[in-house]
Amino acid sequence: MTHATPKTRDDLFAFLDGLDIKHSTKNHAPVFTVAESVALRDEIPGGHTKNLFVKDKKDQFFLLTVEENATVDLKTVHTRIGAASKVSFGKPEKLMEYLGVVPGAVTAFGAINDTGGNVTFVLDADLMEEMIINCHPLSNDATTSIASADLIRFMEATGHKPLVLKVTS
């Protein structure tokens, strides 16, 4: 089965522009961990994200987008997100197949590549209190800032209804 080539950052920006969503992007050296990206904090205001790509035993996939320093209890989070069982991390192949990204570049913007609606997107309620949310634009060598309300508008435009739930402790 062949999959469409994942959309690029330019595709993402064109899509946002088409929705009249304001966004700004700062390029930087590739970052793979929250620790590496902390150096950018002074330059990029707003809520910074970490993303957990998880699945349940029925192969339902979820992307949890939370504030970078928040903790998610993987033993209990399934009770909040509607998973059929405890969750485990999804494999990199599925990450590429569904969201068009590699580990280290996981982002809520991956919704643009999930044309089959295979992933349920969960935005942490605490994160959504931030005016501005920062996510990778499908690659980890840049950070894109977008208003939290516009992030939801973007997801809805991709055919996803994100769940805004408190999934962190």
Protein backbone atom coordinates (compact mmCIF):
# COMPACT_ATOMS: atom_id res chain seq x y z
CA MET A 1 0.00 0.00 0.00
CA THR A 2 1.55 3.29 -1.00
CA HIS A 3 1.20 6.34 1.15
CA ALA A 4 1.17 9.90 0.04
CA THR A 5 4.44 11.71 0.52
CA PRO A 6 4.23 13.52 3.84
CA LYS A 7 3.55 17.21 3.59
CA THR A 8 6.48 19.54 4.17
CA ARG A 9 6.81 22.57 6.32
CA ASP A 10 6.08 24.76 3.28
CA ASP A 11 2.85 22.82 2.69
CA LEU A 12 1.95 23.37 6.33
CA PHE A 13 2.59 27.13 6.14
CA ALA A 14 0.55 27.40 2.91
CA PHE A 15 -2.31 25.54 4.63
CA LEU A 16 -2.16 27.89 7.64
CA ASP A 17 -2.05 30.91 5.33
CA GLY A 18 -5.09 29.56 3.50
CA LEU A 19 -6.95 29.52 6.83
CA ASP A 20 -5.77 33.07 7.61
CA ILE A 21 -3.94 31.76 10.66
CA LYS A 22 -1.04 33.89 11.85
CA HIS A 23 2.12 31.94 12.55
CA SER A 24 5.79 32.69 12.96
CA THR A 25 8.69 30.30 12.70
CA LYS A 26 12.20 30.42 14.07
CA ASN A 27 14.83 28.18 12.53
CA HIS A 28 17.39 26.57 14.82
CA ALA A 29 19.73 23.61 15.01
CA PRO A 30 17.81 20.32 15.16
CA VAL A 31 16.65 19.48 18.67
CA PHE A 32 15.67 15.98 19.72
CA THR A 33 14.81 16.46 23.37
CA VAL A 34 13.10 18.98 25.57
CA ALA A 35 16.44 19.53 27.32
CA GLU A 36 18.09 20.59 24.06
CA SER A 37 15.27 22.96 23.19
CA VAL A 38 15.34 24.79 26.53
CA ALA A 39 18.14 26.97 25.17
CA LEU A 40 15.62 28.53 22.79
CA ARG A 41 13.21 29.63 25.49
CA ASP A 42 14.36 33.22 25.76
CA GLU A 43 13.90 33.68 22.03
CA ILE A 44 10.48 32.05 21.66
CA PRO A 45 7.69 33.07 24.07
CA GLY A 46 4.62 30.97 24.84
CA GLY A 47 3.93 27.38 25.80
CA HIS A 48 6.43 24.84 24.56
CA THR A 49 5.25 21.35 23.83
CA LYS A 50 6.22 17.75 24.15
CA ASN A 51 4.32 15.08 22.29
CA LEU A 52 3.63 11.49 23.20
CA PHE A 53 2.55 9.19 20.38
CA VAL A 54 0.80 6.27 22.03
CA LYS A 55 -1.52 3.38 21.19
CA ASP A 56 -3.82 1.01 23.02
CA LYS A 57 -4.14 -2.75 22.54
CA LYS A 58 -6.81 -2.24 19.86
CA ASP A 59 -4.29 -0.23 17.81
CA GLN A 60 -6.07 3.06 18.38
CA PHE A 61 -3.44 5.80 18.16
CA PHE A 62 -3.33 9.02 20.15
CA LEU A 63 -1.06 12.03 20.11
CA LEU A 64 -0.86 13.74 23.49
CA THR A 65 0.45 17.30 23.24
CA VAL A 66 1.38 18.71 26.64
CA GLU A 67 3.50 21.48 28.12
CA GLU A 68 7.13 20.40 27.95
CA ASN A 69 7.68 20.12 31.70
CA ALA A 70 4.40 18.40 32.49
CA THR A 71 4.21 14.75 33.50
CA VAL A 72 1.84 12.26 31.92
CA ASP A 73 1.08 9.11 33.89
CA LEU A 74 1.09 6.45 31.18
CA LYS A 75 -0.42 3.92 33.60
CA THR A 76 -3.64 5.90 34.00
CA VAL A 77 -3.93 8.28 31.06
CA HIS A 78 -6.00 5.75 29.08
CA THR A 79 -8.92 6.39 31.44
CA ARG A 80 -8.99 10.04 30.40
CA ILE A 81 -8.49 9.77 26.66
CA GLY A 82 -10.91 6.95 25.89
CA ALA A 83 -8.33 4.29 25.08
CA ALA A 84 -9.36 0.63 25.33
CA SER A 85 -6.42 -0.33 27.54
CA LYS A 86 -3.25 1.06 29.03
CA VAL A 87 -1.22 2.76 26.35
CA SER A 88 2.26 2.13 25.07
CA PHE A 89 4.40 4.14 22.69
CA GLY A 90 3.61 3.82 18.99
CA LYS A 91 6.33 2.60 16.65
CA PRO A 92 8.31 5.04 14.49
CA GLU A 93 6.90 3.40 11.32
CA LYS A 94 3.37 4.32 12.40
CA LEU A 95 4.51 7.82 13.31
CA MET A 96 5.78 8.29 9.76
CA GLU A 97 2.78 6.54 8.18
CA TYR A 98 0.15 8.55 10.07
CA LEU A 99 1.80 11.87 10.97
CA GLY A 100 4.61 12.07 8.41
CA VAL A 101 7.28 12.78 11.02
CA VAL A 102 10.25 11.04 12.59
CA PRO A 103 10.81 10.66 16.36
CA GLY A 104 12.16 13.97 17.64
CA ALA A 105 9.98 15.95 15.23
CA VAL A 106 6.59 14.83 16.56
CA THR A 107 4.11 17.69 16.52
CA ALA A 108 0.42 18.50 16.68
CA PHE A 109 0.88 19.86 13.15
CA GLY A 110 1.22 16.21 12.08
CA ALA A 111 -2.59 16.26 11.86
CA ILE A 112 -2.12 17.63 8.34
CA ASN A 113 -0.68 14.24 7.30
CA ASP A 114 -3.27 12.08 9.08
CA THR A 115 -5.66 12.07 6.15
CA GLY A 116 -7.10 8.70 7.19
CA GLY A 117 -8.11 9.96 10.63
CA ASN A 118 -6.05 7.26 12.33
CA VAL A 119 -4.95 9.39 15.25
CA THR A 120 -6.93 11.02 18.06
CA PHE A 121 -5.29 14.31 19.04
CA VAL A 122 -5.36 15.26 22.72
CA LEU A 123 -4.33 18.77 23.77
CA ASP A 124 -3.65 19.18 27.47
CA ALA A 125 -6.01 21.67 29.09
CA ASP A 126 -3.18 23.38 30.99
CA LEU A 127 -1.22 23.90 27.77
CA MET A 128 -4.28 25.37 26.07
CA GLU A 129 -4.42 28.15 28.66
CA GLU A 130 -1.32 29.60 26.98
CA MET A 131 -2.02 32.34 24.42
CA ILE A 132 0.73 31.04 22.13
CA ILE A 133 1.71 27.43 21.57
CA ASN A 134 4.98 26.37 19.98
CA CYS A 135 5.28 23.22 17.88
CA HIS A 136 7.73 21.81 15.38
CA PRO A 137 6.60 22.49 11.79
CA LEU A 138 6.97 18.78 10.83
CA SER A 139 10.74 18.95 11.31
CA ASN A 140 12.82 19.53 14.42
CA ASP A 141 15.04 22.27 13.01
CA ALA A 142 12.44 24.98 13.56
CA THR A 143 9.73 26.03 15.99
CA THR A 144 6.42 27.50 14.83
CA SER A 145 4.38 29.72 17.14
CA ILE A 146 0.60 29.81 16.75
CA ALA A 147 -2.29 31.04 18.90
CA SER A 148 -3.85 28.23 20.94
CA ALA A 149 -7.31 28.87 19.45
CA ASP A 150 -5.78 28.76 15.96
CA LEU A 151 -4.15 25.39 16.70
CA ILE A 152 -7.64 24.00 17.28
CA ARG A 153 -8.91 25.72 14.13
CA PHE A 154 -6.03 24.17 12.17
CA MET A 155 -6.82 20.70 13.50
CA GLU A 156 -10.51 21.04 12.69
CA ALA A 157 -9.56 22.12 9.15
CA THR A 158 -7.61 18.85 8.79
CA GLY A 159 -10.72 16.90 9.78
CA HIS A 160 -9.76 16.29 13.41
CA LYS A 161 -11.70 17.25 16.51
CA PRO A 162 -8.99 17.53 19.15
CA LEU A 163 -9.86 16.58 22.71
CA VAL A 164 -8.88 19.27 25.19
CA LEU A 165 -8.41 17.34 28.42
CA LYS A 166 -6.22 17.56 31.49
CA VAL A 167 -3.86 14.62 30.96
CA THR A 168 -0.94 15.85 33.04
CA SER A 169 -0.15 15.89 36.72
